[in-house]
Protein backbone atom coordinates (compact mmCIF):
# COMPACT_ATOMS: atom_id res chain seq x y z
CA MET A 1 -0.02 0.05 0.09
CA LYS A 2 1.43 3.41 -0.95
CA VAL A 3 1.37 6.05 1.77
CA THR A 4 0.02 8.47 -0.68
CA ASP A 5 -3.13 6.52 -1.19
CA ASP A 6 -4.01 6.09 2.62
CA LEU A 7 -6.08 9.20 2.73
CA PHE A 8 -7.87 8.16 -0.62
CA GLN A 9 -8.77 4.63 0.85
CA LEU A 10 -9.88 6.09 4.09
CA ILE A 11 -12.25 8.62 2.33
CA LYS A 12 -13.55 5.72 -0.06
CA SER A 13 -14.29 3.55 2.79
CA LEU A 14 -16.63 6.05 4.46
CA GLU A 15 -20.39 5.79 4.40
CA GLN A 16 -22.65 8.67 3.66
CA ALA A 17 -23.67 9.16 7.36
CA GLU A 18 -19.98 9.23 8.13
CA LYS A 19 -19.16 11.76 5.43
CA ARG A 20 -21.97 14.05 6.84
CA TYR A 21 -20.64 13.90 10.20
CA PHE A 22 -17.20 14.70 9.25
CA LYS A 23 -18.25 17.81 7.47
CA VAL A 24 -20.21 18.89 10.70
CA PHE A 25 -17.12 17.99 12.73
CA THR A 26 -14.71 19.97 10.40
CA THR A 27 -16.85 23.30 10.75
CA MET A 28 -16.74 22.70 14.67
CA HIS A 29 -13.08 21.72 15.20
CA VAL A 30 -10.97 23.42 12.54
CA LYS A 31 -10.52 27.16 12.65
CA GLY A 32 -11.60 29.78 10.14
CA GLY A 33 -11.28 29.25 6.56
CA GLU A 34 -9.10 26.28 6.92
CA SER A 35 -12.15 24.18 7.65
CA ASN A 36 -13.40 25.05 4.06
CA ASN A 37 -10.06 24.20 2.47
CA TYR A 38 -10.03 20.65 4.25
CA ALA A 39 -13.78 20.19 3.12
CA LYS A 40 -12.69 20.88 -0.43
CA LEU A 41 -9.71 18.80 -0.32
CA PHE A 42 -11.99 15.90 1.09
CA ASP A 43 -14.52 16.41 -1.70
CA ALA A 44 -11.76 16.45 -4.50
CA ILE A 45 -10.33 13.23 -3.31
CA ASP A 46 -13.76 11.77 -2.82
CA ARG A 47 -14.71 12.48 -6.44
CA GLN A 48 -11.65 10.60 -7.90
CA ALA A 49 -12.11 7.18 -9.07
CA GLU A 50 -8.36 6.51 -8.49
CA TYR A 51 -6.02 8.63 -6.52
CA ASP A 52 -4.34 11.19 -8.71
CA GLU A 53 -2.19 13.61 -6.82
CA ASP A 54 -1.05 15.66 -9.91
CA GLU A 55 -4.85 16.31 -10.54
CA ILE A 56 -5.27 17.45 -6.94
CA ARG A 57 -2.40 19.95 -7.26
CA LYS A 58 -3.80 21.21 -10.64
CA GLN A 59 -7.17 21.62 -9.02
CA PHE A 60 -5.87 23.77 -6.09
CA LYS A 61 -3.15 25.57 -7.85
CA GLY A 62 -2.68 28.90 -6.03
CA GLU A 63 -4.01 27.61 -2.72
CA LYS A 64 -1.48 27.95 0.17
CA PHE A 65 -2.00 24.39 1.53
CA VAL A 66 -0.76 22.85 -1.67
CA ASN A 67 2.70 23.95 -1.07
CA GLN A 68 2.79 21.36 1.71
CA LEU A 69 0.23 18.98 0.41
CA HIS A 70 1.58 16.17 2.51
CA VAL A 71 1.02 18.13 5.56
CA ALA A 72 -2.56 19.00 4.57
CA LYS A 73 -3.35 15.49 3.67
CA ASN A 74 -1.89 14.06 7.03
CA TYR A 75 -4.00 16.75 8.98
CA LEU A 76 -7.17 15.87 7.07
CA TYR A 77 -6.41 11.98 7.63
CA ASN A 78 -6.17 12.33 11.37
CA ASN A 79 -9.23 14.75 11.55
CA ILE A 80 -11.25 12.04 9.61
CA LEU A 81 -10.11 9.31 12.27
CA LYS A 82 -11.18 11.84 15.09
CA SER A 83 -14.54 12.33 13.71
CA LEU A 84 -14.95 8.59 13.19
CA ARG A 85 -14.04 7.95 16.83
CA LEU A 86 -16.65 10.40 17.85
CA PHE A 87 -19.30 9.16 15.27
CA HIS A 88 -18.99 5.47 16.54
CA SER A 89 -18.37 6.29 20.23
CA GLU A 90 -21.93 5.54 21.22
CA LYS A 91 -22.37 2.25 19.02
CA SER A 92 -19.60 0.34 21.05
CA LYS A 93 -19.51 -0.89 24.37
CA LEU A 94 -15.79 -1.11 24.28
CA ASN A 95 -15.87 2.78 23.35
CA GLU A 96 -18.36 3.53 26.07
CA LEU A 97 -15.89 1.61 28.54
CA MET A 98 -12.84 3.49 27.52
CA ASP A 99 -14.68 6.78 27.93
CA ILE A 100 -15.76 5.79 31.48
CA LEU A 101 -12.17 4.77 32.29
CA ARG A 102 -10.94 8.20 31.04
CA ASP A 103 -13.67 9.89 33.18
CA ILE A 104 -12.38 7.92 36.22
CA GLN A 105 -8.86 9.21 35.50
CA ILE A 106 -10.03 12.60 35.56
CA LEU A 107 -12.06 12.39 38.66
CA TYR A 108 -9.27 10.67 40.40
CA ASP A 109 -6.83 13.19 39.55
CA LYS A 110 -9.25 15.89 41.17
CA SER A 111 -9.51 13.72 44.10
CA LEU A 112 -13.03 13.02 43.68
CA TYR A 113 -12.92 9.44 45.03
CA LYS A 114 -16.56 8.83 45.72
CA GLN A 115 -17.50 9.87 42.34
CA CYS A 116 -14.78 7.58 40.85
CA LYS A 117 -16.31 4.84 42.80
CA LYS A 118 -19.67 5.44 41.18
CA HIS A 119 -18.43 5.35 37.64
CA LEU A 120 -16.34 2.18 38.60
CA GLU A 121 -19.55 0.29 39.45
CA LYS A 122 -21.01 1.19 36.12
CA ALA A 123 -17.82 0.23 34.20
CA LYS A 124 -17.59 -3.05 36.10
CA LYS A 125 -21.03 -3.94 35.16
CA ILE A 126 -20.62 -3.32 31.41
CA ALA A 127 -17.31 -4.94 31.37
CA SER A 128 -18.59 -8.08 32.99
CA THR A 129 -21.63 -8.25 30.98
CA TYR A 130 -20.03 -7.83 27.71
CA GLU A 131 -17.15 -9.90 28.44
CA LYS A 132 -14.56 -7.15 28.03
CA HIS A 133 -12.00 -8.96 29.97
CA ALA A 134 -8.99 -6.40 29.56
CA GLN A 135 -11.26 -3.80 30.72
CA VAL A 136 -12.54 -5.84 33.68
CA LEU A 137 -8.80 -5.93 34.70
CA ALA A 138 -8.49 -2.02 34.39
CA VAL A 139 -11.64 -1.60 36.56
CA LEU A 140 -10.17 -4.00 39.08
CA ASP A 141 -6.93 -2.02 39.14
CA TRP A 142 -8.80 1.17 39.72
CA GLU A 143 -10.65 -0.47 42.63
CA LYS A 144 -7.17 -1.58 44.39
CA THR A 145 -5.89 1.87 43.64
CA LEU A 146 -8.90 3.70 45.44
CA ALA A 147 -8.60 1.21 48.27
CA ARG A 148 -4.84 1.94 48.71
CA THR A 149 -5.39 5.85 48.10
CA SER A 150 -7.95 5.56 51.13
CA ALA A 151 -5.39 3.57 53.24
CA TYR A 152 -7.90 0.87 52.97
CA ALA A 153 -10.34 2.87 55.23
CA ASP A 154 -13.77 1.22 55.23
CA VAL A 155 -12.57 -1.84 53.04
CA GLU A 156 -12.92 -5.23 54.54
CA GLU A 157 -10.71 -8.06 54.15
CA GLU A 158 -13.38 -9.99 52.39
CA GLU A 159 -13.75 -7.07 49.73
CA LEU A 160 -9.90 -7.24 49.16
CA LEU A 161 -10.14 -10.96 48.77
CA GLY A 162 -12.95 -10.39 46.21
CA TYR A 163 -10.53 -8.16 44.16
CA TYR A 164 -7.95 -10.97 44.07
CA ASN A 165 -10.48 -13.63 43.10
CA ASP A 166 -12.18 -11.41 40.44
CA TYR A 167 -8.64 -10.46 38.90
CA ARG A 168 -7.61 -14.10 38.99
CA LYS A 169 -10.88 -15.24 37.29
CA ALA A 170 -10.48 -12.50 34.54
CA ILE A 171 -6.96 -13.61 33.81
CA GLU A 172 -8.24 -17.27 33.61
CA GLU A 173 -10.72 -16.27 31.12
CA ILE A 174 -8.27 -14.29 29.06
CA SER A 175 -6.01 -17.30 29.13
CA ASN A 176 -8.77 -19.65 28.01
CA ILE A 177 -9.67 -17.26 25.03
CA ASN A 178 -6.01 -17.11 24.20
CA GLU A 179 -5.59 -21.01 24.05
CA TYR A 180 -8.63 -21.54 21.93
CA TRP A 181 -7.56 -18.64 19.59
CA LYS A 182 -4.28 -20.51 19.28
CA LEU A 183 -5.99 -23.74 18.18
CA ALA A 184 -8.41 -22.11 15.91
CA THR A 185 -5.43 -20.19 14.34
CA GLU A 186 -3.34 -23.40 13.71
CA VAL A 187 -6.24 -25.24 12.13
CA PHE A 188 -6.83 -22.09 9.86
CA LEU A 189 -3.27 -21.78 8.83
CA LEU A 190 -2.95 -25.57 8.48
CA ARG A 191 -5.83 -25.53 6.16
CA LYS A 192 -4.57 -22.61 4.19
CA LYS A 193 -1.32 -24.18 3.62
CA LYS A 194 -2.44 -27.62 2.98
CA GLY A 195 -5.90 -26.97 1.37
CA GLU A 196 -7.77 -30.45 1.63
CA ILE A 197 -6.22 -33.42 3.35
CA ARG A 198 -4.18 -35.37 0.77
CA ASN A 199 -2.14 -37.94 2.91
CA LYS A 200 -1.63 -39.42 6.33
CA GLU A 201 0.76 -36.76 7.60
CA ASP A 202 -1.74 -33.95 6.80
CA LEU A 203 -4.64 -35.85 8.63
CA LYS A 204 -2.18 -36.65 11.66
CA ARG A 205 -1.37 -32.83 12.11
CA PHE A 206 -5.19 -32.08 11.99
CA ASN A 207 -6.03 -34.89 14.29
CA GLN A 208 -3.23 -33.56 16.85
CA ILE A 209 -5.01 -30.16 17.05
CA ILE A 210 -8.61 -31.60 17.29
CA LYS A 211 -7.49 -34.06 20.08
CA HIS A 212 -6.23 -31.52 22.23
CA PRO A 213 -7.64 -31.60 25.82
CA LEU A 214 -9.47 -28.32 25.37
CA MET A 215 -11.23 -29.75 22.26
CA LYS A 216 -12.79 -32.70 24.00
CA SER A 217 -15.64 -30.70 25.31
CA GLU A 218 -17.21 -27.34 24.74
CA SER A 219 -17.55 -27.07 28.54
CA SER A 220 -13.82 -26.46 28.64
CA ALA A 221 -14.56 -23.15 26.82
CA ILE A 222 -15.41 -20.90 29.49
CA THR A 223 -16.28 -17.53 27.78
CA PHE A 224 -18.37 -16.47 24.87
CA LEU A 225 -15.27 -15.89 22.67
CA SER A 226 -13.71 -19.28 23.67
CA LYS A 227 -16.89 -21.09 22.61
CA THR A 228 -16.83 -19.27 19.31
CA PHE A 229 -13.39 -20.36 18.68
CA TYR A 230 -14.22 -23.97 19.72
CA PHE A 231 -17.10 -24.32 17.21
CA ASN A 232 -15.19 -22.60 14.43
CA THR A 233 -12.18 -25.01 14.86
CA LYS A 234 -14.56 -28.09 14.93
CA GLY A 235 -16.33 -26.84 11.91
CA LEU A 236 -13.01 -26.18 9.91
CA TYR A 237 -11.62 -29.55 10.79
CA TYR A 238 -14.89 -31.36 9.43
CA LEU A 239 -14.87 -29.16 6.33
CA THR A 240 -11.17 -30.18 5.62
CA ASN A 241 -12.13 -33.76 6.09
CA LYS A 242 -15.34 -33.19 3.89
CA ASP A 243 -17.36 -34.67 6.77
CA PHE A 244 -20.42 -32.44 5.91
CA LYS A 245 -22.88 -33.88 8.44
CA ASN A 246 -20.67 -33.10 11.45
CA LEU A 247 -19.81 -29.78 9.77
CA HIS A 248 -23.48 -29.07 9.69
CA VAL A 249 -23.84 -29.91 13.57
CA TYR A 250 -21.21 -27.32 14.40
CA CYS A 251 -22.39 -24.73 12.03
CA VAL A 252 -25.77 -24.94 13.74
CA LYS A 253 -24.17 -24.92 17.07
CA LEU A 254 -22.20 -21.83 16.28
CA VAL A 255 -25.27 -20.00 15.01
CA GLU A 256 -27.30 -21.07 17.92
CA HIS A 257 -24.41 -19.94 20.30
CA LEU A 258 -24.37 -16.31 18.65
CA GLU A 259 -28.04 -16.01 18.82
CA SER A 260 -28.25 -16.82 22.38
CA ASN A 261 -25.85 -13.98 23.21
CA PRO A 262 -27.02 -11.37 20.85
CA TYR A 263 -25.14 -8.40 22.71
CA LEU A 264 -21.76 -9.95 22.65
CA PHE A 265 -21.24 -11.10 18.94
CA LYS A 266 -20.13 -8.85 16.01
CA GLU A 267 -22.55 -8.38 13.27
CA ASP A 268 -20.08 -9.57 10.70
CA ASN A 269 -19.37 -12.70 12.57
CA PHE A 270 -23.10 -13.60 12.61
CA VAL A 271 -23.35 -12.94 8.78
CA SER A 272 -20.38 -15.22 8.28
CA ALA A 273 -21.83 -17.98 10.65
CA LEU A 274 -25.14 -17.92 8.60
CA TYR A 275 -23.40 -17.89 5.23
CA ASN A 276 -21.16 -20.87 6.25
CA LEU A 277 -24.39 -22.71 7.50
CA LEU A 278 -25.82 -22.03 4.17
CA LEU A 279 -23.10 -23.59 2.19
CA VAL A 280 -23.31 -26.78 4.01
CA GLN A 281 -27.14 -26.87 3.91
CA ILE A 282 -26.84 -26.84 0.16
CA GLU A 283 -24.04 -29.30 0.06
CA LEU A 284 -26.25 -31.65 2.10
CA LYS A 285 -29.18 -30.79 -0.02
CA LYS A 286 -31.16 -29.37 2.99
CA PHE A 287 -32.80 -26.70 0.66
CA ASP A 288 -35.76 -26.01 2.68
CA GLU A 289 -33.59 -25.21 5.62
CA ALA A 290 -31.40 -23.18 3.35
CA LEU A 291 -34.12 -20.82 2.47
CA LYS A 292 -34.99 -20.40 6.12
CA THR A 293 -31.50 -19.33 6.75
CA ILE A 294 -31.54 -16.95 3.84
CA ALA A 295 -34.68 -15.45 5.32
CA LYS A 296 -32.82 -15.00 8.64
CA LEU A 297 -29.89 -13.45 6.83
CA ARG A 298 -32.08 -10.79 5.15
CA SER A 299 -33.78 -10.00 8.41
CA ILE A 300 -30.63 -8.54 9.74
CA LYS A 301 -31.03 -4.70 10.02
CA SER A 302 -27.78 -3.22 9.74
CA ASP A 303 -26.97 0.43 10.04
CA SER A 304 -23.89 -0.18 8.00
CA ILE A 305 -24.18 0.17 4.09
CA THR A 306 -21.18 -2.22 3.73
CA MET A 307 -22.92 -4.71 5.82
CA GLN A 308 -26.15 -4.33 3.99
CA ALA A 309 -24.29 -4.89 0.76
CA ARG A 310 -22.60 -8.07 2.00
CA ILE A 311 -25.89 -9.48 3.06
CA PHE A 312 -27.54 -8.65 -0.22
CA VAL A 313 -24.77 -10.42 -2.21
CA THR A 314 -24.59 -13.42 0.30
CA SER A 315 -28.23 -14.18 0.26
CA TYR A 316 -29.10 -13.35 -3.19
CA ASP A 317 -26.14 -15.32 -4.74
CA THR A 318 -26.96 -18.37 -2.73
CA GLU A 319 -30.66 -18.40 -3.40
CA LEU A 320 -29.90 -17.97 -7.08
CA ASN A 321 -27.62 -21.04 -6.98
CA LEU A 322 -30.03 -22.98 -5.01
CA TYR A 323 -32.83 -22.53 -7.75
CA LEU A 324 -30.24 -23.23 -10.60
CA ARG A 325 -29.28 -26.57 -8.92
CA THR A 326 -32.98 -27.59 -8.21
CA GLY A 327 -34.29 -26.37 -11.62
CA GLU A 328 -36.66 -23.95 -10.11
CA PHE A 329 -35.65 -21.29 -12.75
CA ASP A 330 -39.12 -19.38 -12.33
CA ASN A 331 -38.39 -18.74 -8.77
CA GLY A 332 -34.84 -17.66 -9.61
CA LEU A 333 -36.35 -15.14 -12.21
CA LYS A 334 -38.64 -13.80 -9.48
CA LEU A 335 -35.38 -12.32 -7.90
CA VAL A 336 -34.00 -10.42 -10.92
CA ASP A 337 -35.85 -7.24 -10.16
CA SER A 338 -34.33 -7.17 -6.58
CA ILE A 339 -31.05 -8.11 -7.71
CA GLU A 340 -30.92 -5.33 -10.30
CA SER A 341 -32.08 -2.96 -7.53
CA GLY A 342 -29.41 -3.97 -5.29
CA LEU A 343 -26.75 -3.92 -7.88
CA LYS A 344 -27.60 -0.19 -8.20
CA SER A 345 -28.15 0.61 -4.50
CA TYR A 346 -24.81 -0.94 -3.42
CA LYS A 347 -22.72 -0.26 -6.52
CA ASP A 348 -19.75 1.03 -4.83
CA LYS A 349 -19.65 -1.54 -2.15
CA ILE A 350 -19.96 -4.74 -4.50
CA ASN A 351 -16.79 -6.25 -6.06
CA LYS A 352 -16.44 -7.16 -9.61
CA GLU A 353 -16.38 -10.83 -8.61
CA SER A 354 -19.83 -10.66 -7.19
CA GLU A 355 -21.18 -8.62 -10.26
CA ILE A 356 -19.87 -11.09 -12.83
CA LEU A 357 -21.36 -14.06 -10.92
CA PHE A 358 -24.86 -12.30 -10.89
CA ASP A 359 -24.62 -11.56 -14.46
CA TYR A 360 -23.71 -15.16 -15.41
CA ASN A 361 -26.38 -16.70 -13.21
CA ILE A 362 -29.16 -14.41 -14.33
CA GLY A 363 -28.12 -15.22 -17.90
CA TYR A 364 -28.32 -18.95 -17.00
CA LEU A 365 -31.66 -18.57 -15.37
CA TYR A 366 -33.11 -16.92 -18.63
CA PHE A 367 -31.62 -19.77 -20.75
CA GLY A 368 -33.25 -22.32 -18.46
CA LYS A 369 -36.70 -20.73 -19.36
CA ASN A 370 -35.81 -20.53 -23.05
CA ASP A 371 -35.70 -16.67 -22.93
CA LEU A 372 -32.73 -16.57 -25.11
CA ASP A 373 -32.62 -12.91 -25.81
CA ASN A 374 -32.49 -11.99 -22.20
CA SER A 375 -30.04 -14.78 -21.70
CA LEU A 376 -27.73 -13.21 -24.06
CA LYS A 377 -28.04 -9.67 -22.97
CA TRP A 378 -26.73 -10.72 -19.43
CA VAL A 379 -23.99 -12.97 -20.80
CA ASN A 380 -22.83 -10.13 -23.23
CA LYS A 381 -22.27 -8.11 -20.04
CA ILE A 382 -19.45 -10.25 -19.23
CA ILE A 383 -18.10 -10.82 -22.78
CA ASN A 384 -18.09 -7.29 -23.81
CA ASN A 385 -16.52 -6.05 -20.56
CA LYS A 386 -12.90 -5.82 -21.55
CA ASP A 387 -11.60 -4.55 -18.21
CA LEU A 388 -12.59 -7.62 -16.19
CA THR A 389 -9.50 -9.10 -14.37
CA VAL A 390 -11.32 -11.53 -12.05
CA ARG A 391 -12.92 -14.91 -12.34
CA ASP A 392 -11.31 -16.27 -15.62
CA ASP A 393 -13.55 -19.45 -14.99
CA ILE A 394 -16.78 -17.46 -15.26
CA GLN A 395 -15.39 -15.52 -18.27
CA CYS A 396 -14.58 -18.68 -19.97
CA PHE A 397 -18.06 -20.35 -19.25
CA ALA A 398 -19.82 -17.14 -20.40
CA ARG A 399 -18.21 -17.74 -23.69
CA ILE A 400 -19.31 -21.48 -23.89
CA LEU A 401 -22.93 -20.42 -22.78
CA ASN A 402 -22.74 -17.67 -25.43
CA ILE A 403 -22.24 -20.57 -28.14
CA ILE A 404 -24.97 -22.61 -26.67
CA ILE A 405 -27.27 -19.58 -26.94
CA HIS A 406 -26.49 -18.82 -30.53
CA TYR A 407 -27.10 -22.50 -31.34
CA GLU A 408 -30.44 -22.38 -29.89
CA LEU A 409 -31.16 -19.15 -31.82
CA GLY A 410 -30.30 -20.93 -34.97
CA ASN A 411 -27.39 -18.38 -35.74
CA TYR A 412 -25.28 -20.95 -37.35
CA ASP A 413 -23.63 -18.59 -39.72
CA LEU A 414 -22.14 -16.81 -36.67
CA ILE A 415 -21.23 -19.91 -34.64
CA GLU A 416 -18.04 -20.94 -36.63
CA TYR A 417 -16.72 -17.51 -35.97
CA ILE A 418 -17.71 -17.53 -32.29
CA ILE A 419 -15.96 -20.94 -31.79
CA LYS A 420 -12.84 -19.83 -33.45
CA SER A 421 -12.92 -16.62 -31.19
CA THR A 422 -13.75 -18.62 -28.02
CA ARG A 423 -10.98 -21.19 -28.74
CA ARG A 424 -8.49 -18.32 -28.97
CA TYR A 425 -9.91 -16.80 -25.81
CA LEU A 426 -9.67 -20.17 -23.83
CA SER A 427 -6.09 -20.67 -25.13
CA SER A 428 -5.05 -17.33 -23.92
CA LYS A 429 -6.18 -18.12 -20.47
CA ASN A 430 -4.63 -21.70 -20.56
CA THR A 431 -7.81 -23.18 -19.85
CA LEU A 432 -8.68 -25.23 -22.97
CA ASN A 433 -9.30 -28.57 -21.67
CA ARG A 434 -10.93 -31.77 -22.49
CA PHE A 435 -14.24 -30.72 -21.43
CA GLU A 436 -14.19 -27.39 -23.49
CA LEU A 437 -12.80 -29.20 -26.67
CA THR A 438 -15.74 -31.59 -26.35
CA VAL A 439 -18.09 -28.70 -26.27
CA LEU A 440 -16.62 -26.90 -29.20
CA SER A 441 -16.23 -29.95 -31.34
CA HIS A 442 -19.60 -31.34 -30.95
CA ILE A 443 -21.36 -27.95 -31.52
CA ARG A 444 -19.24 -27.64 -34.70
CA LYS A 445 -20.55 -31.10 -35.66
CA LEU A 446 -24.15 -30.07 -34.79
CA ILE A 447 -24.21 -26.98 -37.03
CA ASN A 448 -22.82 -29.08 -39.89
CA THR A 449 -25.63 -31.84 -39.57
CA LYS A 450 -28.86 -31.59 -41.53
CA THR A 451 -31.20 -34.33 -40.11
CA ASP A 452 -32.59 -34.70 -36.61
CA LYS A 453 -31.46 -38.36 -36.71
CA GLU A 454 -27.91 -37.46 -37.23
CA LYS A 455 -28.23 -34.73 -34.47
CA ASN A 456 -29.57 -37.28 -32.18
CA LEU A 457 -26.63 -39.42 -32.86
CA ILE A 458 -24.18 -36.65 -32.11
CA TYR A 459 -26.15 -35.78 -28.92
CA ASP A 460 -25.75 -39.41 -27.77
CA GLU A 461 -21.95 -39.44 -28.66
CA TRP A 462 -21.56 -36.15 -26.72
CA LYS A 463 -23.38 -37.17 -23.73
CA HIS A 464 -21.44 -40.53 -23.49
CA GLU A 465 -18.20 -38.65 -23.68
CA LEU A 466 -19.21 -36.23 -20.96
CA GLU A 467 -20.37 -39.46 -18.82
CA SER A 468 -16.93 -40.93 -19.52
CA ILE A 469 -15.14 -37.86 -17.94
CA SER A 470 -17.72 -37.28 -15.16
CA GLY A 471 -15.17 -38.27 -12.48
CA ASP A 472 -12.82 -35.61 -13.67
CA PHE A 473 -12.56 -32.51 -11.37
CA LEU A 474 -12.74 -30.03 -14.24
CA GLU A 475 -16.13 -31.90 -15.52
CA ILE A 476 -17.50 -31.65 -12.21
CA LYS A 477 -16.84 -27.98 -11.76
CA ALA A 478 -18.32 -27.46 -15.33
CA GLN A 479 -21.52 -29.10 -14.43
CA GLU A 480 -21.81 -26.32 -11.64
CA TYR A 481 -21.66 -23.70 -14.33
CA PHE A 482 -23.95 -25.44 -16.88
CA ASP A 483 -25.86 -28.75 -16.89
CA PHE A 484 -24.80 -30.01 -20.05
CA ILE A 485 -26.11 -33.53 -19.62
CA SER A 486 -29.73 -32.08 -18.85
CA TRP A 487 -29.44 -29.83 -21.85
CA ILE A 488 -28.58 -32.78 -24.18
CA GLU A 489 -31.35 -34.85 -22.64
CA CYS A 490 -33.92 -31.92 -23.56
CA LYS A 491 -32.63 -31.70 -27.05
CA THR A 492 -33.21 -35.62 -27.69
CA SER A 493 -36.39 -35.80 -25.67
CA GLY A 494 -38.30 -32.51 -26.53
CA GLU A 495 -38.90 -31.71 -23.07
CA ASN A 496 -38.01 -28.21 -21.30
CA PHE A 497 -34.50 -27.67 -19.82
CA ASP A 498 -35.76 -26.64 -16.61
CA GLU A 499 -38.07 -29.61 -16.17
CA ILE A 500 -35.22 -32.06 -16.87
CA VAL A 501 -33.03 -30.30 -14.37
CA LYS A 502 -35.83 -30.57 -11.91
CA LYS A 503 -36.29 -34.16 -12.55
CA ARG A 504 -32.64 -35.06 -12.17
CA HIS A 505 -32.68 -33.13 -8.80
CA LEU A 506 -35.58 -34.98 -7.59
CA MET A 507 -33.97 -38.37 -8.62
CA GLU A 508 -30.87 -37.25 -6.56
CA MET A 509 -32.82 -36.53 -3.61
CA ALA A 510 -34.91 -39.81 -3.72
């Protein structure tokens, strides 16, 4: 990260309410005309799509602060952080606690010890209720300081022993959290390094962690955060082993744990827990449960635009995939208006990867209902975007789906050109594999075949070839993007594509 980009990135991360608060903060805390200069500098940087310091210097040519722009930027950066601290001060119990502890220091310096004690009682209650263990220690330190300052007047021996026991308990809880954090981090790093378990040595290391005495029972985790680490560690272990049934058990346990302590968990942790539960529900084909989890996800009312955008992407992307997998294309198309609206509302908060996934899946939905013009429109949004640098897999499959759409439209004159263009593109991405070659070769055969009988023979040959590579990883992934076998069956049987996908899904569920 370049130092010159820090201010730009901070400004771009702000939500509208935070920006408004900063403008008010500046007028109140920055003297005279300087506040206007900083507001103008803020707006100029905010308008930029990418940080361009030369453009900033041109825009403010003649202004005194440009002579030392780095000083002005640093001052603006620090003032934004100050305004954010104030803006969020009442939203966080930790901030509230830190403010009370600062007040206690001020009152103590003024020898207002009785007032100190009142504030300490409030701080202790908040710190204990919200499991702010470090602040519990700070409160206990203040209690001991006040007792010592008063030469232990009116302090019973039992009360002093209580300070000792409370301090010891807080340290024990912090230590417990630290031990579970270590175990959770070890499993995370091991999975990051190794990925899926490939040999006995990998399995041995994972098992060593999961057989740790602290992992034998959740009762050993004595705090909210310790239990959270415990459930996460168990879940990641079972995910690595592809034991989805046990993974589901611990995903459910984690969600229930968070829901039973609503004042302790962070919003983003709850969203992550629900999303992980969703993924395993879909893996286990628990689709009715998945829809309930999606509804629960959307019921979260967040003040944060960033979090709203995350919930939007997570819930709609998962629901779309669910309907594509089950053949319920009609239900999927009912979501399109909401998705288009969300893509506009959260435009600045949604990454390109999420956008391209929506474009592809919506294009696939329209294809499934034989609305080929709309399907082509959404797929072309991917193909015609020359600036895309993410998800080569989706970009490649958009081109494969494009060929299938034009084949269905009967645009045979175009297809030969599109096949050549697609082949060049796939080669440039080093993704031209057996599966993709099969698609290109059989479409080429089909457009050069005149009779239905000959076409059916080609479809049968193609289906047999796809089934022969069905164990191949790339073919399995390809089926997630487009159900070629169902499409071939619809061409030979005359049934609708979505109906065949639905039938195949019901057979899998039986």
